[in-house]
PDB file of all heavy atoms in Angstrom:
ATOM      1  N   VAL A   1     117.918 104.844 102.719  1.00  0.00           N
ATOM      2  CA  VAL A   1     116.882 105.781 103.295  1.00  0.00           C
ATOM      3  C   VAL A   1     117.524 106.232 104.642  1.00  0.00           C
ATOM      4  O   VAL A   1     118.283 105.643 105.276  1.00  0.00           O
ATOM      5  CB  VAL A   1     115.595 105.083 103.573  1.00  0.00           C
ATOM      6  CG1 VAL A   1     114.941 104.604 102.277  1.00  0.00           C
ATOM      7  CG2 VAL A   1     115.693 103.964 104.545  1.00  0.00           C
ATOM      8  N   ASP A   2     117.031 107.435 105.056  1.00  0.00           N
ATOM      9  CA  ASP A   2     117.553 108.072 106.224  1.00  0.00           C
ATOM     10  C   ASP A   2     116.576 107.813 107.437  1.00  0.00           C
ATOM     11  O   ASP A   2     115.429 108.161 107.320  1.00  0.00           O
ATOM     12  CB  ASP A   2     117.661 109.574 105.965  1.00  0.00           C
ATOM     13  CG  ASP A   2     117.975 110.358 107.208  1.00  0.00           C
ATOM     14  OD1 ASP A   2     119.133 110.072 107.764  1.00  0.00           O
ATOM     15  OD2 ASP A   2     117.129 111.178 107.681  1.00  0.00           O
ATOM     16  N   MET A   3     117.050 107.238 108.440  1.00  0.00           N
ATOM     17  CA  MET A   3     116.340 107.141 109.743  1.00  0.00           C
ATOM     18  C   MET A   3     116.898 108.121 110.772  1.00  0.00           C
ATOM     19  O   MET A   3     117.794 107.714 111.551  1.00  0.00           O
ATOM     20  CB  MET A   3     116.359 105.716 110.222  1.00  0.00           C
ATOM     21  CG  MET A   3     115.256 104.855 109.882  1.00  0.00           C
ATOM     22  SD  MET A   3     115.193 103.174 110.779  1.00  0.00           S
ATOM     23  CE  MET A   3     114.622 103.672 112.269  1.00  0.00           C
ATOM     24  N   ASN A   4     116.437 109.373 110.692  1.00  0.00           N
ATOM     25  CA  ASN A   4     116.856 110.354 111.661  1.00  0.00           C
ATOM     26  C   ASN A   4     118.325 110.460 111.765  1.00  0.00           C
ATOM     27  O   ASN A   4     118.934 110.405 112.826  1.00  0.00           O
ATOM     28  CB  ASN A   4     116.203 109.995 113.007  1.00  0.00           C
ATOM     29  CG  ASN A   4     116.157 111.198 113.949  1.00  0.00           C
ATOM     30  OD1 ASN A   4     116.519 112.245 113.569  1.00  0.00           O
ATOM     31  ND2 ASN A   4     115.676 110.962 115.191  1.00  0.00           N
ATOM     32  N   GLY A   5     119.025 110.543 110.567  1.00  0.00           N
ATOM     33  CA  GLY A   5     120.471 110.708 110.583  1.00  0.00           C
ATOM     34  C   GLY A   5     121.257 109.471 110.442  1.00  0.00           C
ATOM     35  O   GLY A   5     122.455 109.392 110.297  1.00  0.00           O
ATOM     36  N   TYR A   6     120.503 108.303 110.546  1.00  0.00           N
ATOM     37  CA  TYR A   6     121.202 107.002 110.380  1.00  0.00           C
ATOM     38  C   TYR A   6     120.756 106.414 109.071  1.00  0.00           C
ATOM     39  O   TYR A   6     119.624 106.334 108.749  1.00  0.00           O
ATOM     40  CB  TYR A   6     120.759 106.114 111.563  1.00  0.00           C
ATOM     41  CG  TYR A   6     121.459 104.682 111.507  1.00  0.00           C
ATOM     42  CD1 TYR A   6     122.788 104.637 111.856  1.00  0.00           C
ATOM     43  CD2 TYR A   6     120.766 103.599 111.239  1.00  0.00           C
ATOM     44  CE1 TYR A   6     123.401 103.417 111.868  1.00  0.00           C
ATOM     45  CE2 TYR A   6     121.413 102.401 111.235  1.00  0.00           C
ATOM     46  CZ  TYR A   6     122.763 102.259 111.586  1.00  0.00           C
ATOM     47  OH  TYR A   6     123.346 101.090 111.562  1.00  0.00           O
ATOM     48  N   LEU A   7     121.716 105.997 108.208  1.00  0.00           N
ATOM     49  CA  LEU A   7     121.544 105.453 106.936  1.00  0.00           C
ATOM     50  C   LEU A   7     121.132 103.965 107.000  1.00  0.00           C
ATOM     51  O   LEU A   7     121.893 103.170 107.502  1.00  0.00           O
ATOM     52  CB  LEU A   7     122.782 105.642 106.059  1.00  0.00           C
ATOM     53  CG  LEU A   7     122.605 105.069 104.562  1.00  0.00           C
ATOM     54  CD1 LEU A   7     121.724 105.881 103.754  1.00  0.00           C
ATOM     55  CD2 LEU A   7     124.017 105.016 103.920  1.00  0.00           C
ATOM     56  N   ILE A   8     120.022 103.600 106.428  1.00  0.00           N
ATOM     57  CA  ILE A   8     119.683 102.156 106.199  1.00  0.00           C
ATOM     58  C   ILE A   8     119.873 101.897 104.747  1.00  0.00           C
ATOM     59  O   ILE A   8     119.247 102.401 103.860  1.00  0.00           O
ATOM     60  CB  ILE A   8     118.220 101.980 106.473  1.00  0.00           C
ATOM     61  CG1 ILE A   8     117.877 102.384 107.912  1.00  0.00           C
ATOM     62  CG2 ILE A   8     117.800 100.492 106.283  1.00  0.00           C
ATOM     63  CD1 ILE A   8     118.345 101.606 109.063  1.00  0.00           C
ATOM     64  N   PRO A   9     120.942 100.984 104.446  1.00  0.00           N
ATOM     65  CA  PRO A   9     121.182 100.809 102.992  1.00  0.00           C
ATOM     66  C   PRO A   9     120.087  99.912 102.277  1.00  0.00           C
ATOM     67  O   PRO A   9     119.623  98.921 102.908  1.00  0.00           O
ATOM     68  CB  PRO A   9     122.538  99.894 103.092  1.00  0.00           C
ATOM     69  CG  PRO A   9     123.019 100.004 104.502  1.00  0.00           C
ATOM     70  CD  PRO A   9     121.816 100.323 105.279  1.00  0.00           C
ATOM     71  N   ILE A  10     119.626 100.419 101.188  1.00  0.00           N
ATOM     72  CA  ILE A  10     118.622  99.684 100.433  1.00  0.00           C
ATOM     73  C   ILE A  10     119.000  99.866  98.934  1.00  0.00           C
ATOM     74  O   ILE A  10     119.511 100.897  98.549  1.00  0.00           O
ATOM     75  CB  ILE A  10     117.210 100.357 100.631  1.00  0.00           C
ATOM     76  CG1 ILE A  10     116.757 100.055 102.035  1.00  0.00           C
ATOM     77  CG2 ILE A  10     116.135  99.677  99.716  1.00  0.00           C
ATOM     78  CD1 ILE A  10     115.386 100.709 102.397  1.00  0.00           C
ATOM     79  N   GLU A  11     118.864  98.788  98.224  1.00  0.00           N
ATOM     80  CA  GLU A  11     119.254  98.769  96.786  1.00  0.00           C
ATOM     81  C   GLU A  11     118.628  99.918  95.986  1.00  0.00           C
ATOM     82  O   GLU A  11     117.367 100.159  96.189  1.00  0.00           O
ATOM     83  CB  GLU A  11     118.914  97.441  96.108  1.00  0.00           C
ATOM     84  CG  GLU A  11     119.576  96.261  96.796  1.00  0.00           C
ATOM     85  CD  GLU A  11     118.670  95.542  97.779  1.00  0.00           C
ATOM     86  OE1 GLU A  11     118.004  96.351  98.478  1.00  0.00           O
ATOM     87  OE2 GLU A  11     118.724  94.378  97.927  1.00  0.00           O
ATOM     88  N   ARG A  12     119.272 100.475  95.022  1.00  0.00           N
ATOM     89  CA  ARG A  12     118.772 101.535  94.243  1.00  0.00           C
ATOM     90  C   ARG A  12     117.499 101.169  93.444  1.00  0.00           C
ATOM     91  O   ARG A  12     116.595 101.979  93.262  1.00  0.00           O
ATOM     92  CB  ARG A  12     119.866 102.134  93.446  1.00  0.00           C
ATOM     93  CG  ARG A  12     119.434 103.368  92.501  1.00  0.00           C
ATOM     94  CD  ARG A  12     120.653 103.944  91.803  1.00  0.00           C
ATOM     95  NE  ARG A  12     121.514 104.478  92.611  1.00  0.00           N
ATOM     96  CZ  ARG A  12     122.740 104.975  92.178  1.00  0.00           C
ATOM     97  NH1 ARG A  12     123.088 105.066  90.858  1.00  0.00           N
ATOM     98  NH2 ARG A  12     123.540 105.627  93.003  1.00  0.00           N
ATOM     99  N   ASP A  13     117.659  99.933  92.807  1.00  0.00           N
ATOM    100  CA  ASP A  13     116.542  99.544  91.979  1.00  0.00           C
ATOM    101  C   ASP A  13     115.237  99.342  92.741  1.00  0.00           C
ATOM    102  O   ASP A  13     114.100  99.445  92.234  1.00  0.00           O
ATOM    103  CB  ASP A  13     116.868  98.264  91.229  1.00  0.00           C
ATOM    104  CG  ASP A  13     117.183  97.054  92.080  1.00  0.00           C
ATOM    105  OD1 ASP A  13     117.505  97.243  93.348  1.00  0.00           O
ATOM    106  OD2 ASP A  13     117.074  95.884  91.655  1.00  0.00           O
ATOM    107  N   VAL A  14     115.250  98.993  94.064  1.00  0.00           N
ATOM    108  CA  VAL A  14     114.150  99.020  94.850  1.00  0.00           C
ATOM    109  C   VAL A  14     113.442 100.372  95.136  1.00  0.00           C
ATOM    110  O   VAL A  14     112.335 100.524  94.917  1.00  0.00           O
ATOM    111  CB  VAL A  14     114.392  98.297  96.298  1.00  0.00           C
ATOM    112  CG1 VAL A  14     113.192  98.367  97.146  1.00  0.00           C
ATOM    113  CG2 VAL A  14     114.817  96.850  96.041  1.00  0.00           C
ATOM    114  N   LEU A  15     114.359 101.304  95.454  1.00  0.00           N
ATOM    115  CA  LEU A  15     113.861 102.702  95.783  1.00  0.00           C
ATOM    116  C   LEU A  15     113.360 103.319  94.547  1.00  0.00           C
ATOM    117  O   LEU A  15     112.578 104.176  94.533  1.00  0.00           O
ATOM    118  CB  LEU A  15     114.978 103.473  96.355  1.00  0.00           C
ATOM    119  CG  LEU A  15     115.514 102.922  97.777  1.00  0.00           C
ATOM    120  CD1 LEU A  15     116.644 103.696  98.278  1.00  0.00           C
ATOM    121  CD2 LEU A  15     114.297 102.927  98.723  1.00  0.00           C
ATOM    122  N   ALA A  16     113.829 102.833  93.253  1.00  0.00           N
ATOM    123  CA  ALA A  16     113.428 103.461  92.042  1.00  0.00           C
ATOM    124  C   ALA A  16     111.953 103.171  91.828  1.00  0.00           C
ATOM    125  O   ALA A  16     111.251 103.934  91.008  1.00  0.00           O
ATOM    126  CB  ALA A  16     114.270 102.873  90.885  1.00  0.00           C
ATOM    127  N   LYS A  17     111.403 102.109  92.411  1.00  0.00           N
ATOM    128  CA  LYS A  17     109.970 101.807  92.267  1.00  0.00           C
ATOM    129  C   LYS A  17     109.052 102.668  93.119  1.00  0.00           C
ATOM    130  O   LYS A  17     107.898 102.729  92.927  1.00  0.00           O
ATOM    131  CB  LYS A  17     109.671 100.298  92.685  1.00  0.00           C
ATOM    132  CG  LYS A  17     110.533  99.243  91.885  1.00  0.00           C
ATOM    133  CD  LYS A  17     110.308  97.918  92.570  1.00  0.00           C
ATOM    134  CE  LYS A  17     111.220  96.948  91.973  1.00  0.00           C
ATOM    135  NZ  LYS A  17     111.182  95.644  92.671  1.00  0.00           N
ATOM    136  N   ALA A  18     109.621 103.461  94.035  1.00  0.00           N
ATOM    137  CA  ALA A  18     108.853 104.324  94.859  1.00  0.00           C
ATOM    138  C   ALA A  18     108.245 105.406  94.055  1.00  0.00           C
ATOM    139  O   ALA A  18     108.869 105.829  93.086  1.00  0.00           O
ATOM    140  CB  ALA A  18     109.704 104.930  95.977  1.00  0.00           C
ATOM    141  N   THR A  19     107.051 105.964  94.486  1.00  0.00           N
ATOM    142  CA  THR A  19     106.355 106.908  93.668  1.00  0.00           C
ATOM    143  C   THR A  19     106.617 108.367  94.165  1.00  0.00           C
ATOM    144  O   THR A  19     106.214 109.225  93.519  1.00  0.00           O
ATOM    145  CB  THR A  19     104.806 106.711  93.855  1.00  0.00           C
ATOM    146  OG1 THR A  19     104.416 106.550  95.235  1.00  0.00           O
ATOM    147  CG2 THR A  19     104.384 105.428  93.112  1.00  0.00           C
ATOM    148  N   GLY A  20     107.444 108.495  95.207  1.00  0.00           N
ATOM    149  CA  GLY A  20     107.804 109.859  95.752  1.00  0.00           C
ATOM    150  C   GLY A  20     109.135 109.911  96.367  1.00  0.00           C
ATOM    151  O   GLY A  20     109.948 108.989  96.082  1.00  0.00           O
ATOM    152  N   SER A  21     109.377 110.848  97.262  1.00  0.00           N
ATOM    153  CA  SER A  21     110.656 110.929  97.917  1.00  0.00           C
ATOM    154  C   SER A  21     110.778 110.138  99.223  1.00  0.00           C
ATOM    155  O   SER A  21     111.833 110.200  99.833  1.00  0.00           O
ATOM    156  CB  SER A  21     110.925 112.437  98.098  1.00  0.00           C
ATOM    157  OG  SER A  21     109.944 112.920  99.000  1.00  0.00           O
ATOM    158  N   LYS A  22     109.732 109.468  99.586  1.00  0.00           N
ATOM    159  CA  LYS A  22     109.638 108.769 100.870  1.00  0.00           C
ATOM    160  C   LYS A  22     109.366 107.285 100.573  1.00  0.00           C
ATOM    161  O   LYS A  22     108.556 106.954  99.635  1.00  0.00           O
ATOM    162  CB  LYS A  22     108.729 109.364 101.825  1.00  0.00           C
ATOM    163  CG  LYS A  22     109.105 110.802 102.176  1.00  0.00           C
ATOM    164  CD  LYS A  22     107.870 111.315 103.049  1.00  0.00           C
ATOM    165  CE  LYS A  22     108.026 112.919 103.363  1.00  0.00           C
ATOM    166  NZ  LYS A  22     106.929 113.488 103.957  1.00  0.00           N
ATOM    167  N   VAL A  23     109.642 106.411 101.488  1.00  0.00           N
ATOM    168  CA  VAL A  23     109.149 105.039 101.491  1.00  0.00           C
ATOM    169  C   VAL A  23     108.747 104.791 102.987  1.00  0.00           C
ATOM    170  O   VAL A  23     109.094 105.563 103.880  1.00  0.00           O
ATOM    171  CB  VAL A  23     110.160 104.018 101.022  1.00  0.00           C
ATOM    172  CG1 VAL A  23     110.453 104.115  99.583  1.00  0.00           C
ATOM    173  CG2 VAL A  23     111.458 104.052 101.894  1.00  0.00           C
ATOM    174  N   ILE A  24     107.962 103.646 103.160  1.00  0.00           N
ATOM    175  CA  ILE A  24     107.606 103.300 104.492  1.00  0.00           C
ATOM    176  C   ILE A  24     108.467 102.012 104.759  1.00  0.00           C
ATOM    177  O   ILE A  24     108.467 101.003 103.977  1.00  0.00           O
ATOM    178  CB  ILE A  24     106.063 102.914 104.569  1.00  0.00           C
ATOM    179  CG1 ILE A  24     105.312 104.035 104.312  1.00  0.00           C
ATOM    180  CG2 ILE A  24     105.790 102.235 105.814  1.00  0.00           C
ATOM    181  CD1 ILE A  24     103.780 103.822 104.146  1.00  0.00           C
ATOM    182  N   LEU A  25     109.179 102.103 105.868  1.00  0.00           N
ATOM    183  CA  LEU A  25     109.868 100.880 106.309  1.00  0.00           C
ATOM    184  C   LEU A  25     108.963 100.118 107.376  1.00  0.00           C
ATOM    185  O   LEU A  25     108.454 100.721 108.231  1.00  0.00           O
ATOM    186  CB  LEU A  25     111.201 101.256 107.031  1.00  0.00           C
ATOM    187  CG  LEU A  25     112.253 101.972 106.207  1.00  0.00           C
ATOM    188  CD1 LEU A  25     113.489 102.274 107.075  1.00  0.00           C
ATOM    189  CD2 LEU A  25     112.519 101.269 104.932  1.00  0.00           C
ATOM    190  N   GLY A  26     108.836  98.755 107.068  1.00  0.00           N
ATOM    191  CA  GLY A  26     108.121  97.912 108.087  1.00  0.00           C
ATOM    192  C   GLY A  26     109.113  97.146 108.922  1.00  0.00           C
ATOM    193  O   GLY A  26     109.994  96.426 108.237  1.00  0.00           O
TER     194      GLY A  26
END
């Protein structure tokens, strides 16, 4: 995921569960 131009690596299979083009990072 992109944090204002900085890449936070997250596994593809996790992001595949998202329902849209964004996720929420806690």
